[in-house]
Amino acid sequence: MPPLFYACTAETKRKGRCQNDAQVEGRCLDHPTAPRASQPDMIQVELHVNLEQSQGLELGGIPRRGIYEGIPPKSTQVFGAYGLARVQISHAVQEMRENGYGAEEPSLLQRDETMDILVLPFSRTSSSRDIPAGVEQFLCVTWGYCKVLVAPNSEDGRVIHIVNCAHKLSFPPLYELSFEEGLWGVKEPSETRP
Protein backbone atom coordinates (compact mmCIF):
# COMPACT_ATOMS: atom_id res chain seq x y z
CA MET A 1 0.00 0.00 0.00
CA PRO A 2 1.75 3.24 -1.13
CA PRO A 3 1.63 6.42 0.95
CA LEU A 4 -1.32 8.72 0.32
CA PHE A 5 0.94 11.70 -0.43
CA TYR A 6 4.30 11.96 -2.18
CA ALA A 7 5.92 15.36 -2.76
CA CYS A 8 6.75 16.38 -6.30
CA THR A 9 10.41 15.62 -7.13
CA ALA A 10 11.00 18.97 -8.87
CA GLU A 11 13.56 21.40 -7.51
CA THR A 12 12.37 24.85 -6.43
CA LYS A 13 14.20 28.09 -7.23
CA ARG A 14 15.93 27.99 -3.82
CA LYS A 15 17.17 24.37 -4.29
CA GLY A 16 14.38 22.99 -2.16
CA ARG A 17 11.76 20.46 -3.18
CA CYS A 18 8.27 21.28 -4.44
CA GLN A 19 5.56 20.81 -1.78
CA ASN A 20 2.80 19.82 -4.21
CA ASP A 21 1.47 16.27 -4.40
CA ALA A 22 3.07 14.28 -7.23
CA GLN A 23 0.49 13.33 -9.85
CA VAL A 24 2.35 11.84 -12.82
CA GLU A 25 5.77 10.12 -12.72
CA GLY A 26 6.80 11.85 -9.49
CA ARG A 27 5.85 15.34 -10.68
CA CYS A 28 3.03 17.72 -9.88
CA LEU A 29 1.00 19.34 -12.65
CA ASP A 30 2.93 22.64 -12.19
CA HIS A 31 6.40 21.09 -12.76
CA PRO A 32 6.27 18.40 -15.44
CA THR A 33 9.68 19.35 -16.88
CA ALA A 34 11.46 21.19 -14.03
CA PRO A 35 14.90 19.95 -12.94
CA ARG A 36 14.99 17.17 -10.39
CA ALA A 37 15.47 18.14 -6.73
CA SER A 38 19.10 18.21 -5.60
CA GLN A 39 20.58 15.40 -3.59
CA PRO A 40 21.10 16.34 0.04
CA ASP A 41 24.48 17.49 1.33
CA MET A 42 23.51 16.21 4.77
CA ILE A 43 20.90 13.80 6.10
CA GLN A 44 20.00 14.07 9.75
CA VAL A 45 18.40 10.93 11.21
CA GLU A 46 16.43 11.84 14.35
CA LEU A 47 15.18 9.01 16.55
CA HIS A 48 12.93 9.62 19.55
CA VAL A 49 14.19 7.61 22.52
CA ASN A 50 12.85 7.36 26.05
CA LEU A 51 14.97 8.45 29.02
CA GLU A 52 16.05 4.91 29.91
CA GLN A 53 17.28 4.33 26.34
CA SER A 54 18.91 7.76 26.35
CA GLN A 55 20.79 7.02 29.59
CA GLY A 56 22.03 3.71 28.14
CA LEU A 57 23.29 5.52 25.03
CA GLU A 58 25.00 8.14 27.19
CA LEU A 59 26.71 5.42 29.26
CA GLY A 60 27.82 3.89 25.94
CA GLY A 61 29.66 7.11 25.05
CA ILE A 62 27.07 9.06 23.03
CA PRO A 63 27.48 12.74 24.04
CA ARG A 64 24.63 15.03 25.07
CA ARG A 65 24.66 18.25 23.03
CA GLY A 66 21.82 20.55 24.08
CA ILE A 67 18.10 20.99 23.45
CA TYR A 68 16.13 19.80 20.43
CA GLU A 69 14.79 22.76 18.44
CA GLY A 70 12.25 20.82 16.38
CA ILE A 71 11.62 20.55 12.66
CA PRO A 72 12.59 23.66 10.67
CA PRO A 73 9.52 25.63 9.55
CA LYS A 74 8.62 25.48 5.86
CA SER A 75 10.21 22.05 5.39
CA THR A 76 8.77 19.97 2.54
CA GLN A 77 7.21 16.82 3.97
CA VAL A 78 8.03 14.14 1.40
CA PHE A 79 5.26 11.77 2.52
CA GLY A 80 2.79 14.44 3.67
CA ALA A 81 1.91 15.78 7.11
CA TYR A 82 1.35 12.32 8.60
CA GLY A 83 4.41 10.65 7.09
CA LEU A 84 4.64 6.86 7.15
CA ALA A 85 3.42 4.39 9.76
CA ARG A 86 5.21 1.19 10.81
CA VAL A 87 8.41 1.73 8.87
CA GLN A 88 11.96 0.42 9.10
CA ILE A 89 14.83 2.70 8.05
CA SER A 90 17.84 0.33 7.99
CA HIS A 91 17.59 -0.20 4.20
CA ALA A 92 17.66 3.57 3.58
CA VAL A 93 20.70 3.98 5.86
CA GLN A 94 22.49 1.23 3.94
CA GLU A 95 21.64 2.95 0.62
CA MET A 96 22.86 6.30 1.95
CA ARG A 97 26.21 4.77 2.86
CA GLU A 98 26.46 3.06 -0.54
CA ASN A 99 25.85 6.47 -2.16
CA GLY A 100 28.81 8.09 -0.38
CA TYR A 101 27.18 9.48 2.76
CA GLY A 102 29.43 8.98 5.77
CA ALA A 103 28.11 8.70 9.30
CA GLU A 104 29.22 11.49 11.60
CA GLU A 105 29.33 11.43 15.40
CA PRO A 106 25.90 10.74 16.93
CA SER A 107 24.59 12.84 19.81
CA LEU A 108 21.62 13.21 22.14
CA LEU A 109 19.40 16.27 22.37
CA GLN A 110 16.89 16.88 25.16
CA ARG A 111 13.31 16.99 23.87
CA ASP A 112 11.24 17.12 27.07
CA GLU A 113 10.94 15.42 30.49
CA THR A 114 10.13 12.02 28.97
CA MET A 115 11.99 11.82 25.63
CA ASP A 116 15.30 12.69 24.04
CA ILE A 117 16.32 12.74 20.38
CA LEU A 118 19.17 10.55 19.17
CA VAL A 119 20.70 12.40 16.21
CA LEU A 120 22.81 10.57 13.64
CA PRO A 121 24.05 12.88 10.85
CA PHE A 122 25.27 11.62 7.47
CA SER A 123 27.26 13.86 5.16
CA ARG A 124 28.70 13.62 1.67
CA THR A 125 31.81 15.46 2.87
CA SER A 126 32.69 13.30 5.86
CA SER A 127 34.69 10.13 5.91
CA SER A 128 32.56 7.23 7.03
CA ARG A 129 32.87 6.10 10.62
CA ASP A 130 31.36 3.04 12.20
CA ILE A 131 27.93 3.52 13.71
CA PRO A 132 28.15 2.56 17.41
CA ALA A 133 26.35 -0.71 18.23
CA GLY A 134 24.12 1.08 20.72
CA VAL A 135 22.92 3.36 17.93
CA GLU A 136 22.79 0.64 15.25
CA GLN A 137 20.09 -1.23 17.18
CA PHE A 138 17.70 1.72 16.74
CA LEU A 139 18.16 1.66 12.96
CA CYS A 140 16.91 -1.93 12.69
CA VAL A 141 13.56 -1.61 14.49
CA THR A 142 10.05 -0.75 13.33
CA TRP A 143 9.10 2.87 13.96
CA GLY A 144 5.44 3.78 14.49
CA TYR A 145 5.86 7.09 12.68
CA CYS A 146 8.46 8.34 10.23
CA LYS A 147 8.58 11.71 8.51
CA VAL A 148 11.07 12.60 5.80
CA LEU A 149 11.57 16.32 5.38
CA VAL A 150 13.56 18.53 3.03
CA ALA A 151 14.59 21.53 5.11
CA PRO A 152 14.80 24.99 3.59
CA ASN A 153 18.37 25.69 2.49
CA SER A 154 20.70 26.37 5.37
CA GLU A 155 22.50 29.70 5.62
CA ASP A 156 25.59 28.15 4.05
CA GLY A 157 23.56 26.83 1.09
CA ARG A 158 23.60 23.14 2.08
CA VAL A 159 20.59 20.97 1.24
CA ILE A 160 19.56 19.10 4.41
CA HIS A 161 17.09 16.22 4.64
CA ILE A 162 15.67 15.01 7.95
CA VAL A 163 14.42 11.50 8.74
CA ASN A 164 12.42 11.85 11.97
CA CYS A 165 11.20 8.63 13.64
CA ALA A 166 9.11 8.12 16.77
CA HIS A 167 7.40 5.31 18.71
CA LYS A 168 9.63 2.25 18.56
CA LEU A 169 7.42 -0.81 17.97
CA SER A 170 7.91 -4.52 18.57
CA PHE A 171 6.16 -5.85 15.46
CA PRO A 172 7.06 -6.10 11.75
CA PRO A 173 7.09 -3.04 9.49
CA LEU A 174 4.58 -2.27 6.76
CA TYR A 175 7.22 -0.34 4.81
CA GLU A 176 10.95 -0.04 4.33
CA LEU A 177 12.15 3.48 3.69
CA SER A 178 14.42 3.74 0.63
CA PHE A 179 16.86 6.57 -0.13
CA GLU A 180 16.54 6.58 -3.94
CA GLU A 181 19.35 9.11 -4.40
CA GLY A 182 17.66 11.63 -2.13
CA LEU A 183 14.19 11.42 -3.67
CA TRP A 184 13.04 8.89 -1.03
CA GLY A 185 10.51 6.13 -1.48
CA VAL A 186 8.98 3.11 0.20
CA LYS A 187 9.24 -0.58 -0.49
CA GLU A 188 7.59 -3.65 0.89
CA PRO A 189 9.63 -5.13 3.75
CA SER A 190 12.22 -7.70 2.84
CA GLU A 191 11.83 -10.98 4.64
CA THR A 192 15.62 -11.44 4.77
CA ARG A 193 16.30 -8.28 6.80
CA PRO A 194 15.97 -8.17 10.61
C-alpha atoms as a PDB file:
ATOM      1  CA  MET A   1       0.000   0.000   0.000  1.00  0.00           C
ATOM      2  CA  PRO A   2       1.750   3.236  -1.131  1.00  0.00           C
ATOM      3  CA  PRO A   3       1.626   6.423   0.952  1.00  0.00           C
ATOM      4  CA  LEU A   4      -1.321   8.716   0.321  1.00  0.00           C
ATOM      5  CA  PHE A   5       0.936  11.695  -0.432  1.00  0.00           C
ATOM      6  CA  TYR A   6       4.300  11.960  -2.178  1.00  0.00           C
ATOM      7  CA  ALA A   7       5.918  15.364  -2.758  1.00  0.00           C
ATOM      8  CA  CYS A   8       6.753  16.382  -6.303  1.00  0.00           C
ATOM      9  CA  THR A   9      10.406  15.620  -7.126  1.00  0.00           C
ATOM     10  CA  ALA A  10      10.997  18.974  -8.866  1.00  0.00           C
ATOM     11  CA  GLU A  11      13.558  21.404  -7.508  1.00  0.00           C
ATOM     12  CA  THR A  12      12.368  24.850  -6.429  1.00  0.00           C
ATOM     13  CA  LYS A  13      14.203  28.088  -7.231  1.00  0.00           C
ATOM     14  CA  ARG A  14      15.933  27.992  -3.820  1.00  0.00           C
ATOM     15  CA  LYS A  15      17.173  24.370  -4.295  1.00  0.00           C
ATOM     16  CA  GLY A  16      14.378  22.987  -2.157  1.00  0.00           C
ATOM     17  CA  ARG A  17      11.760  20.459  -3.178  1.00  0.00           C
ATOM     18  CA  CYS A  18       8.269  21.277  -4.440  1.00  0.00           C
ATOM     19  CA  GLN A  19       5.559  20.815  -1.782  1.00  0.00           C
ATOM     20  CA  ASN A  20       2.802  19.824  -4.207  1.00  0.00           C
ATOM     21  CA  ASP A  21       1.474  16.273  -4.404  1.00  0.00           C
ATOM     22  CA  ALA A  22       3.072  14.282  -7.235  1.00  0.00           C
ATOM     23  CA  GLN A  23       0.490  13.333  -9.849  1.00  0.00           C
ATOM     24  CA  VAL A  24       2.349  11.838 -12.816  1.00  0.00           C
ATOM     25  CA  GLU A  25       5.774  10.125 -12.718  1.00  0.00           C
ATOM     26  CA  GLY A  26       6.801  11.853  -9.490  1.00  0.00           C
ATOM     27  CA  ARG A  27       5.854  15.343 -10.683  1.00  0.00           C
ATOM     28  CA  CYS A  28       3.026  17.716  -9.884  1.00  0.00           C
ATOM     29  CA  LEU A  29       1.001  19.342 -12.654  1.00  0.00           C
ATOM     30  CA  ASP A  30       2.929  22.640 -12.192  1.00  0.00           C
ATOM     31  CA  HIS A  31       6.398  21.093 -12.763  1.00  0.00           C
ATOM     32  CA  PRO A  32       6.269  18.401 -15.441  1.00  0.00           C
ATOM     33  CA  THR A  33       9.684  19.354 -16.877  1.00  0.00           C
ATOM     34  CA  ALA A  34      11.459  21.194 -14.026  1.00  0.00           C
ATOM     35  CA  PRO A  35      14.903  19.949 -12.940  1.00  0.00           C
ATOM     36  CA  ARG A  36      14.988  17.165 -10.388  1.00  0.00           C
ATOM     37  CA  ALA A  37      15.469  18.139  -6.735  1.00  0.00           C
ATOM     38  CA  SER A  38      19.099  18.214  -5.596  1.00  0.00           C
ATOM     39  CA  GLN A  39      20.582  15.396  -3.587  1.00  0.00           C
ATOM     40  CA  PRO A  40      21.104  16.337   0.043  1.00  0.00           C
ATOM     41  CA  ASP A  41      24.478  17.490   1.327  1.00  0.00           C
ATOM     42  CA  MET A  42      23.512  16.208   4.768  1.00  0.00           C
ATOM     43  CA  ILE A  43      20.903  13.800   6.101  1.00  0.00           C
ATOM     44  CA  GLN A  44      19.999  14.068   9.751  1.00  0.00           C
ATOM     45  CA  VAL A  45      18.401  10.928  11.205  1.00  0.00           C
ATOM     46  CA  GLU A  46      16.433  11.839  14.348  1.00  0.00           C
ATOM     47  CA  LEU A  47      15.182   9.013  16.550  1.00  0.00           C
ATOM     48  CA  HIS A  48      12.930   9.621  19.546  1.00  0.00           C
ATOM     49  CA  VAL A  49      14.193   7.608  22.521  1.00  0.00           C
ATOM     50  CA  ASN A  50      12.849   7.358  26.055  1.00  0.00           C
ATOM     51  CA  LEU A  51      14.969   8.452  29.018  1.00  0.00           C
ATOM     52  CA  GLU A  52      16.050   4.910  29.913  1.00  0.00           C
ATOM     53  CA  GLN A  53      17.277   4.329  26.339  1.00  0.00           C
ATOM     54  CA  SER A  54      18.915   7.756  26.352  1.00  0.00           C
ATOM     55  CA  GLN A  55      20.789   7.017  29.587  1.00  0.00           C
ATOM     56  CA  GLY A  56      22.031   3.710  28.136  1.00  0.00           C
ATOM     57  CA  LEU A  57      23.289   5.519  25.035  1.00  0.00           C
ATOM     58  CA  GLU A  58      25.001   8.139  27.189  1.00  0.00           C
ATOM     59  CA  LEU A  59      26.714   5.419  29.256  1.00  0.00           C
ATOM     60  CA  GLY A  60      27.821   3.889  25.937  1.00  0.00           C
ATOM     61  CA  GLY A  61      29.657   7.106  25.046  1.00  0.00           C
ATOM     62  CA  ILE A  62      27.069   9.063  23.027  1.00  0.00           C
ATOM     63  CA  PRO A  63      27.477  12.739  24.043  1.00  0.00           C
ATOM     64  CA  ARG A  64      24.633  15.034  25.071  1.00  0.00           C
ATOM     65  CA  ARG A  65      24.655  18.249  23.035  1.00  0.00           C
ATOM     66  CA  GLY A  66      21.825  20.549  24.081  1.00  0.00           C
ATOM     67  CA  ILE A  67      18.103  20.995  23.451  1.00  0.00           C
ATOM     68  CA  TYR A  68      16.131  19.801  20.434  1.00  0.00           C
ATOM     69  CA  GLU A  69      14.791  22.758  18.444  1.00  0.00           C
ATOM     70  CA  GLY A  70      12.246  20.819  16.377  1.00  0.00           C
ATOM     71  CA  ILE A  71      11.617  20.546  12.659  1.00  0.00           C
ATOM     72  CA  PRO A  72      12.591  23.660  10.675  1.00  0.00           C
ATOM     73  CA  PRO A  73       9.521  25.625   9.554  1.00  0.00           C
ATOM     74  CA  LYS A  74       8.625  25.482   5.864  1.00  0.00           C
ATOM     75  CA  SER A  75      10.214  22.054   5.394  1.00  0.00           C
ATOM     76  CA  THR A  76       8.771  19.971   2.545  1.00  0.00           C
ATOM     77  CA  GLN A  77       7.215  16.819   3.974  1.00  0.00           C
ATOM     78  CA  VAL A  78       8.029  14.140   1.404  1.00  0.00           C
ATOM     79  CA  PHE A  79       5.256  11.775   2.524  1.00  0.00           C
ATOM     80  CA  GLY A  80       2.794  14.440   3.672  1.00  0.00           C
ATOM     81  CA  ALA A  81       1.906  15.781   7.111  1.00  0.00           C
ATOM     82  CA  TYR A  82       1.351  12.316   8.595  1.00  0.00           C
ATOM     83  CA  GLY A  83       4.411  10.653   7.094  1.00  0.00           C
ATOM     84  CA  LEU A  84       4.639   6.865   7.152  1.00  0.00           C
ATOM     85  CA  ALA A  85       3.415   4.388   9.758  1.00  0.00           C
ATOM     86  CA  ARG A  86       5.208   1.188  10.808  1.00  0.00           C
ATOM     87  CA  VAL A  87       8.413   1.734   8.872  1.00  0.00           C
ATOM     88  CA  GLN A  88      11.957   0.421   9.103  1.00  0.00           C
ATOM     89  CA  ILE A  89      14.827   2.699   8.047  1.00  0.00           C
ATOM     90  CA  SER A  90      17.840   0.329   7.990  1.00  0.00           C
ATOM     91  CA  HIS A  91      17.587  -0.199   4.202  1.00  0.00           C
ATOM     92  CA  ALA A  92      17.657   3.572   3.583  1.00  0.00           C
ATOM     93  CA  VAL A  93      20.695   3.976   5.860  1.00  0.00           C
ATOM     94  CA  GLN A  94      22.493   1.231   3.940  1.00  0.00           C
ATOM     95  CA  GLU A  95      21.643   2.951   0.616  1.00  0.00           C
ATOM     96  CA  MET A  96      22.857   6.303   1.954  1.00  0.00           C
ATOM     97  CA  ARG A  97      26.213   4.774   2.858  1.00  0.00           C
ATOM     98  CA  GLU A  98      26.461   3.057  -0.539  1.00  0.00           C
ATOM     99  CA  ASN A  99      25.852   6.473  -2.163  1.00  0.00           C
ATOM    100  CA  GLY A 100      28.810   8.091  -0.384  1.00  0.00           C
ATOM    101  CA  TYR A 101      27.184   9.484   2.757  1.00  0.00           C
ATOM    102  CA  GLY A 102      29.427   8.985   5.772  1.00  0.00           C
ATOM    103  CA  ALA A 103      28.113   8.699   9.301  1.00  0.00           C
ATOM    104  CA  GLU A 104      29.225  11.491  11.605  1.00  0.00           C
ATOM    105  CA  GLU A 105      29.328  11.427  15.403  1.00  0.00           C
ATOM    106  CA  PRO A 106      25.895  10.736  16.928  1.00  0.00           C
ATOM    107  CA  SER A 107      24.594  12.836  19.808  1.00  0.00           C
ATOM    108  CA  LEU A 108      21.624  13.207  22.140  1.00  0.00           C
ATOM    109  CA  LEU A 109      19.401  16.268  22.369  1.00  0.00           C
ATOM    110  CA  GLN A 110      16.894  16.878  25.163  1.00  0.00           C
ATOM    111  CA  ARG A 111      13.310  16.994  23.873  1.00  0.00           C
ATOM    112  CA  ASP A 112      11.239  17.117  27.074  1.00  0.00           C
ATOM    113  CA  GLU A 113      10.937  15.421  30.489  1.00  0.00           C
ATOM    114  CA  THR A 114      10.126  12.019  28.969  1.00  0.00           C
ATOM    115  CA  MET A 115      11.991  11.822  25.633  1.00  0.00           C
ATOM    116  CA  ASP A 116      15.296  12.688  24.035  1.00  0.00           C
ATOM    117  CA  ILE A 117      16.317  12.744  20.375  1.00  0.00           C
ATOM    118  CA  LEU A 118      19.170  10.554  19.174  1.00  0.00           C
ATOM    119  CA  VAL A 119      20.699  12.400  16.208  1.00  0.00           C
ATOM    120  CA  LEU A 120      22.810  10.574  13.636  1.00  0.00           C
ATOM    121  CA  PRO A 121      24.048  12.882  10.847  1.00  0.00           C
ATOM    122  CA  PHE A 122      25.266  11.616   7.468  1.00  0.00           C
ATOM    123  CA  SER A 123      27.261  13.865   5.165  1.00  0.00           C
ATOM    124  CA  ARG A 124      28.701  13.622   1.668  1.00  0.00           C
ATOM    125  CA  THR A 125      31.807  15.463   2.871  1.00  0.00           C
ATOM    126  CA  SER A 126      32.690  13.299   5.863  1.00  0.00           C
ATOM    127  CA  SER A 127      34.694  10.128   5.911  1.00  0.00           C
ATOM    128  CA  SER A 128      32.563   7.230   7.034  1.00  0.00           C
ATOM    129  CA  ARG A 129      32.875   6.098  10.616  1.00  0.00           C
ATOM    130  CA  ASP A 130      31.358   3.045  12.203  1.00  0.00           C
ATOM    131  CA  ILE A 131      27.933   3.516  13.709  1.00  0.00           C
ATOM    132  CA  PRO A 132      28.150   2.562  17.406  1.00  0.00           C
ATOM    133  CA  ALA A 133      26.348  -0.715  18.229  1.00  0.00           C
ATOM    134  CA  GLY A 134      24.120   1.084  20.725  1.00  0.00           C
ATOM    135  CA  VAL A 135      22.924   3.361  17.930  1.00  0.00           C
ATOM    136  CA  GLU A 136      22.794   0.642  15.253  1.00  0.00           C
ATOM    137  CA  GLN A 137      20.093  -1.229  17.184  1.00  0.00           C
ATOM    138  CA  PHE A 138      17.700   1.717  16.738  1.00  0.00           C
ATOM    139  CA  LEU A 139      18.161   1.659  12.959  1.00  0.00           C
ATOM    140  CA  CYS A 140      16.915  -1.935  12.691  1.00  0.00           C
ATOM    141  CA  VAL A 141      13.563  -1.614  14.490  1.00  0.00           C
ATOM    142  CA  THR A 142      10.052  -0.754  13.326  1.00  0.00           C
ATOM    143  CA  TRP A 143       9.096   2.869  13.958  1.00  0.00           C
ATOM    144  CA  GLY A 144       5.439   3.779  14.489  1.00  0.00           C
ATOM    145  CA  TYR A 145       5.861   7.094  12.684  1.00  0.00           C
ATOM    146  CA  CYS A 146       8.465   8.339  10.231  1.00  0.00           C
ATOM    147  CA  LYS A 147       8.578  11.706   8.506  1.00  0.00           C
ATOM    148  CA  VAL A 148      11.070  12.598   5.799  1.00  0.00           C
ATOM    149  CA  LEU A 149      11.573  16.323   5.377  1.00  0.00           C
ATOM    150  CA  VAL A 150      13.562  18.533   3.027  1.00  0.00           C
ATOM    151  CA  ALA A 151      14.586  21.532   5.111  1.00  0.00           C
ATOM    152  CA  PRO A 152      14.798  24.994   3.588  1.00  0.00           C
ATOM    153  CA  ASN A 153      18.371  25.685   2.489  1.00  0.00           C
ATOM    154  CA  SER A 154      20.702  26.372   5.375  1.00  0.00           C
ATOM    155  CA  GLU A 155      22.505  29.697   5.621  1.00  0.00           C
ATOM    156  CA  ASP A 156      25.589  28.150   4.049  1.00  0.00           C
ATOM    157  CA  GLY A 157      23.562  26.827   1.090  1.00  0.00           C
ATOM    158  CA  ARG A 158      23.598  23.142   2.076  1.00  0.00           C
ATOM    159  CA  VAL A 159      20.589  20.969   1.242  1.00  0.00           C
ATOM    160  CA  ILE A 160      19.560  19.095   4.411  1.00  0.00           C
ATOM    161  CA  HIS A 161      17.095  16.216   4.645  1.00  0.00           C
ATOM    162  CA  ILE A 162      15.665  15.009   7.954  1.00  0.00           C
ATOM    163  CA  VAL A 163      14.422  11.500   8.743  1.00  0.00           C
ATOM    164  CA  ASN A 164      12.415  11.851  11.968  1.00  0.00           C
ATOM    165  CA  CYS A 165      11.197   8.632  13.635  1.00  0.00           C
ATOM    166  CA  ALA A 166       9.108   8.121  16.772  1.00  0.00           C
ATOM    167  CA  HIS A 167       7.398   5.314  18.712  1.00  0.00           C
ATOM    168  CA  LYS A 168       9.631   2.248  18.561  1.00  0.00           C
ATOM    169  CA  LEU A 169       7.422  -0.808  17.968  1.00  0.00           C
ATOM    170  CA  SER A 170       7.909  -4.518  18.572  1.00  0.00           C
ATOM    171  CA  PHE A 171       6.164  -5.848  15.459  1.00  0.00           C
ATOM    172  CA  PRO A 172       7.064  -6.104  11.754  1.00  0.00           C
ATOM    173  CA  PRO A 173       7.086  -3.040   9.489  1.00  0.00           C
ATOM    174  CA  LEU A 174       4.577  -2.267   6.761  1.00  0.00           C
ATOM    175  CA  TYR A 175       7.218  -0.337   4.810  1.00  0.00           C
ATOM    176  CA  GLU A 176      10.946  -0.042   4.328  1.00  0.00           C
ATOM    177  CA  LEU A 177      12.146   3.475   3.685  1.00  0.00           C
ATOM    178  CA  SER A 178      14.419   3.742   0.628  1.00  0.00           C
ATOM    179  CA  PHE A 179      16.858   6.565  -0.130  1.00  0.00           C
ATOM    180  CA  GLU A 180      16.541   6.576  -3.938  1.00  0.00           C
ATOM    181  CA  GLU A 181      19.350   9.109  -4.403  1.00  0.00           C
ATOM    182  CA  GLY A 182      17.661  11.627  -2.126  1.00  0.00           C
ATOM    183  CA  LEU A 183      14.188  11.421  -3.675  1.00  0.00           C
ATOM    184  CA  TRP A 184      13.036   8.887  -1.031  1.00  0.00           C
ATOM    185  CA  GLY A 185      10.513   6.131  -1.484  1.00  0.00           C
ATOM    186  CA  VAL A 186       8.976   3.113   0.198  1.00  0.00           C
ATOM    187  CA  LYS A 187       9.242  -0.584  -0.486  1.00  0.00           C
ATOM    188  CA  GLU A 188       7.586  -3.648   0.892  1.00  0.00           C
ATOM    189  CA  PRO A 189       9.628  -5.126   3.751  1.00  0.00           C
ATOM    190  CA  SER A 190      12.220  -7.697   2.840  1.00  0.00           C
ATOM    191  CA  GLU A 191      11.828 -10.982   4.638  1.00  0.00           C
ATOM    192  CA  THR A 192      15.620 -11.444   4.769  1.00  0.00           C
ATOM    193  CA  ARG A 193      16.304  -8.282   6.798  1.00  0.00           C
ATOM    194  CA  PRO A 194      15.970  -8.170  10.609  1.00  0.00           C
END
